Amino acid sequence: MKLYTVILIQLMIWSCYTFIEWLSKYDQLLYKVMMFLVFFYLAIMIGNYLMKSKRKTMLATSMSLIVYASFYFFSF
């Protein structure tokens, strides 16, 4: 159940990232990459706090990124 909760929270984090990226559509690519890294770090820290296992946190983060990327790229 913790894995499911972490994935849902991380999907919310990726949705916030998309909204912030949309607001900063005129920024340079470097700033968007830095912003992605900040959100990635935030997702890992929150996942690690809830899961208390680095391996499971990385699994949850990769699963949430795959789900999010599939919705993001295939919805357009």
N, C-alpha and C. Protein backbone atom coordinates (compact mmCIF):
# COMPACT_ATOMS: atom_id res chain seq x y z
N MET A 1 0.82 -1.20 0.00
CA MET A 1 0.00 0.00 0.00
C MET A 1 0.86 1.26 0.00
N LYS A 2 2.03 1.16 0.64
CA LYS A 2 2.92 2.33 0.66
C LYS A 2 3.42 2.66 -0.74
N LEU A 3 3.70 1.62 -1.51
CA LEU A 3 4.19 1.84 -2.88
C LEU A 3 3.14 2.58 -3.71
N TYR A 4 1.90 2.18 -3.58
CA TYR A 4 0.81 2.83 -4.30
C TYR A 4 0.68 4.30 -3.88
N THR A 5 0.78 4.55 -2.59
CA THR A 5 0.67 5.92 -2.07
C THR A 5 1.82 6.78 -2.58
N VAL A 6 3.02 6.25 -2.57
CA VAL A 6 4.18 7.01 -3.04
C VAL A 6 4.06 7.31 -4.53
N ILE A 7 3.60 6.34 -5.30
CA ILE A 7 3.44 6.57 -6.74
C ILE A 7 2.40 7.66 -6.99
N LEU A 8 1.30 7.64 -6.26
CA LEU A 8 0.29 8.69 -6.43
C LEU A 8 0.82 10.07 -6.05
N ILE A 9 1.55 10.15 -4.95
CA ILE A 9 2.13 11.43 -4.54
C ILE A 9 3.13 11.91 -5.58
N GLN A 10 3.94 11.00 -6.10
CA GLN A 10 4.91 11.40 -7.11
C GLN A 10 4.23 11.80 -8.41
N LEU A 11 3.13 11.19 -8.75
CA LEU A 11 2.39 11.64 -9.93
C LEU A 11 1.86 13.06 -9.74
N MET A 12 1.48 13.39 -8.51
CA MET A 12 1.08 14.76 -8.22
C MET A 12 2.26 15.72 -8.36
N ILE A 13 3.45 15.26 -7.95
CA ILE A 13 4.65 16.08 -8.09
C ILE A 13 4.95 16.32 -9.57
N TRP A 14 4.84 15.27 -10.39
CA TRP A 14 5.10 15.44 -11.83
C TRP A 14 4.05 16.34 -12.48
N SER A 15 2.83 16.29 -12.00
CA SER A 15 1.80 17.20 -12.52
C SER A 15 2.11 18.64 -12.17
N CYS A 16 2.61 18.86 -10.96
CA CYS A 16 3.04 20.22 -10.58
C CYS A 16 4.21 20.67 -11.44
N TYR A 17 5.11 19.75 -11.74
CA TYR A 17 6.24 20.08 -12.62
C TYR A 17 5.73 20.51 -14.01
N THR A 18 4.74 19.79 -14.53
CA THR A 18 4.20 20.15 -15.84
C THR A 18 3.56 21.53 -15.82
N PHE A 19 2.84 21.83 -14.75
CA PHE A 19 2.21 23.14 -14.62
C PHE A 19 3.26 24.25 -14.54
N ILE A 20 4.30 24.04 -13.76
CA ILE A 20 5.36 25.05 -13.62
C ILE A 20 6.12 25.19 -14.95
N GLU A 21 6.34 24.08 -15.63
CA GLU A 21 7.00 24.14 -16.94
C GLU A 21 6.14 24.91 -17.94
N TRP A 22 4.85 24.72 -17.88
CA TRP A 22 3.95 25.47 -18.76
C TRP A 22 4.00 26.96 -18.45
N LEU A 23 4.10 27.32 -17.18
CA LEU A 23 4.21 28.73 -16.81
C LEU A 23 5.52 29.35 -17.28
N SER A 24 6.57 28.53 -17.35
CA SER A 24 7.88 29.05 -17.75
C SER A 24 8.24 28.58 -19.15
N LYS A 25 7.31 28.70 -20.08
CA LYS A 25 7.53 28.17 -21.43
C LYS A 25 8.60 28.93 -22.21
N TYR A 26 8.94 30.13 -21.79
CA TYR A 26 9.95 30.90 -22.50
C TYR A 26 11.34 30.80 -21.87
N ASP A 27 11.48 29.98 -20.85
CA ASP A 27 12.78 29.80 -20.22
C ASP A 27 13.69 28.96 -21.11
N GLN A 28 14.98 29.07 -20.83
CA GLN A 28 15.95 28.29 -21.59
C GLN A 28 15.90 26.82 -21.14
N LEU A 29 16.44 25.95 -21.98
CA LEU A 29 16.44 24.52 -21.71
C LEU A 29 17.21 24.19 -20.44
N LEU A 30 18.29 24.89 -20.18
CA LEU A 30 19.09 24.64 -18.98
C LEU A 30 18.26 24.83 -17.72
N TYR A 31 17.46 25.86 -17.67
CA TYR A 31 16.63 26.13 -16.50
C TYR A 31 15.53 25.08 -16.35
N LYS A 32 15.01 24.59 -17.46
CA LYS A 32 14.00 23.54 -17.39
C LYS A 32 14.60 22.23 -16.88
N VAL A 33 15.82 21.93 -17.29
CA VAL A 33 16.50 20.74 -16.81
C VAL A 33 16.79 20.86 -15.31
N MET A 34 17.25 22.03 -14.90
CA MET A 34 17.51 22.24 -13.47
C MET A 34 16.22 22.12 -12.66
N MET A 35 15.13 22.62 -13.20
CA MET A 35 13.84 22.52 -12.51
C MET A 35 13.40 21.06 -12.43
N PHE A 36 13.62 20.29 -13.49
CA PHE A 36 13.29 18.87 -13.46
C PHE A 36 14.11 18.15 -12.38
N LEU A 37 15.39 18.49 -12.28
CA LEU A 37 16.23 17.86 -11.26
C LEU A 37 15.77 18.19 -9.85
N VAL A 38 15.29 19.41 -9.64
CA VAL A 38 14.76 19.78 -8.33
C VAL A 38 13.51 18.97 -8.01
N PHE A 39 12.61 18.83 -8.97
CA PHE A 39 11.40 18.05 -8.75
C PHE A 39 11.72 16.56 -8.59
N PHE A 40 12.72 16.07 -9.31
CA PHE A 40 13.16 14.68 -9.19
C PHE A 40 13.70 14.43 -7.79
N TYR A 41 14.52 15.36 -7.30
CA TYR A 41 15.07 15.24 -5.94
C TYR A 41 13.94 15.28 -4.91
N LEU A 42 12.98 16.16 -5.10
CA LEU A 42 11.85 16.25 -4.19
C LEU A 42 11.04 14.95 -4.18
N ALA A 43 10.82 14.38 -5.34
CA ALA A 43 10.07 13.12 -5.43
C ALA A 43 10.82 11.99 -4.72
N ILE A 44 12.13 11.94 -4.88
CA ILE A 44 12.92 10.90 -4.23
C ILE A 44 12.92 11.09 -2.72
N MET A 45 13.08 12.32 -2.25
CA MET A 45 13.11 12.56 -0.82
C MET A 45 11.78 12.23 -0.16
N ILE A 46 10.68 12.62 -0.77
CA ILE A 46 9.36 12.30 -0.21
C ILE A 46 9.12 10.78 -0.25
N GLY A 47 9.49 10.16 -1.35
CA GLY A 47 9.32 8.71 -1.45
C GLY A 47 10.17 7.96 -0.44
N ASN A 48 11.40 8.41 -0.24
CA ASN A 48 12.29 7.76 0.72
C ASN A 48 11.79 7.98 2.15
N TYR A 49 11.21 9.13 2.42
CA TYR A 49 10.65 9.39 3.75
C TYR A 49 9.48 8.46 4.04
N LEU A 50 8.65 8.21 3.05
CA LEU A 50 7.48 7.36 3.26
C LEU A 50 7.81 5.87 3.20
N MET A 51 8.71 5.49 2.31
CA MET A 51 9.00 4.07 2.11
C MET A 51 10.09 3.56 3.06
N LYS A 52 11.04 4.42 3.39
CA LYS A 52 12.18 4.05 4.23
C LYS A 52 13.03 2.93 3.62
N SER A 53 13.09 2.91 2.30
CA SER A 53 13.90 1.95 1.57
C SER A 53 14.33 2.61 0.25
N LYS A 54 15.63 2.71 0.05
CA LYS A 54 16.12 3.39 -1.16
C LYS A 54 15.77 2.61 -2.42
N ARG A 55 15.85 1.28 -2.34
CA ARG A 55 15.55 0.47 -3.52
C ARG A 55 14.09 0.59 -3.92
N LYS A 56 13.19 0.53 -2.95
CA LYS A 56 11.77 0.66 -3.25
C LYS A 56 11.43 2.08 -3.70
N THR A 57 12.14 3.06 -3.15
CA THR A 57 11.91 4.44 -3.56
C THR A 57 12.30 4.64 -5.02
N MET A 58 13.43 4.09 -5.41
CA MET A 58 13.85 4.21 -6.82
C MET A 58 12.89 3.45 -7.73
N LEU A 59 12.38 2.32 -7.27
CA LEU A 59 11.38 1.58 -8.05
C LEU A 59 10.11 2.41 -8.22
N ALA A 60 9.64 3.01 -7.14
CA ALA A 60 8.42 3.82 -7.20
C ALA A 60 8.64 5.04 -8.08
N THR A 61 9.80 5.68 -7.97
CA THR A 61 10.09 6.87 -8.77
C THR A 61 10.16 6.52 -10.25
N SER A 62 10.82 5.43 -10.57
CA SER A 62 10.90 5.04 -11.99
C SER A 62 9.52 4.65 -12.53
N MET A 63 8.73 3.97 -11.72
CA MET A 63 7.38 3.60 -12.17
C MET A 63 6.52 4.84 -12.37
N SER A 64 6.60 5.80 -11.46
CA SER A 64 5.79 7.00 -11.61
C SER A 64 6.24 7.83 -12.81
N LEU A 65 7.54 7.86 -13.07
CA LEU A 65 8.04 8.59 -14.25
C LEU A 65 7.60 7.92 -15.54
N ILE A 66 7.60 6.60 -15.56
CA ILE A 66 7.16 5.88 -16.76
C ILE A 66 5.68 6.11 -17.01
N VAL A 67 4.87 6.03 -15.96
CA VAL A 67 3.43 6.27 -16.11
C VAL A 67 3.17 7.70 -16.54
N TYR A 68 3.85 8.63 -15.89
CA TYR A 68 3.66 10.04 -16.22
C TYR A 68 4.10 10.35 -17.66
N ALA A 69 5.26 9.82 -18.05
CA ALA A 69 5.76 10.07 -19.40
C ALA A 69 4.84 9.46 -20.45
N SER A 70 4.29 8.30 -20.16
CA SER A 70 3.39 7.69 -21.13
C SER A 70 2.11 8.52 -21.29
N PHE A 71 1.58 9.05 -20.20
CA PHE A 71 0.41 9.94 -20.31
C PHE A 71 0.79 11.24 -21.01
N TYR A 72 1.96 11.76 -20.70
CA TYR A 72 2.38 13.05 -21.24
C TYR A 72 2.61 12.99 -22.75
N PHE A 73 3.31 11.95 -23.21
CA PHE A 73 3.66 11.86 -24.62
C PHE A 73 2.55 11.32 -25.50
N PHE A 74 1.71 10.46 -24.95
CA PHE A 74 0.67 9.84 -25.76
C PHE A 74 -0.65 10.57 -25.71
N SER A 75 -0.75 11.62 -24.91
CA SER A 75 -2.00 12.36 -24.84
C SER A 75 -2.07 13.48 -25.88
N PHE A 76 -0.95 13.81 -26.49
CA PHE A 76 -0.93 14.91 -27.48
C PHE A 76 -1.05 14.39 -28.85
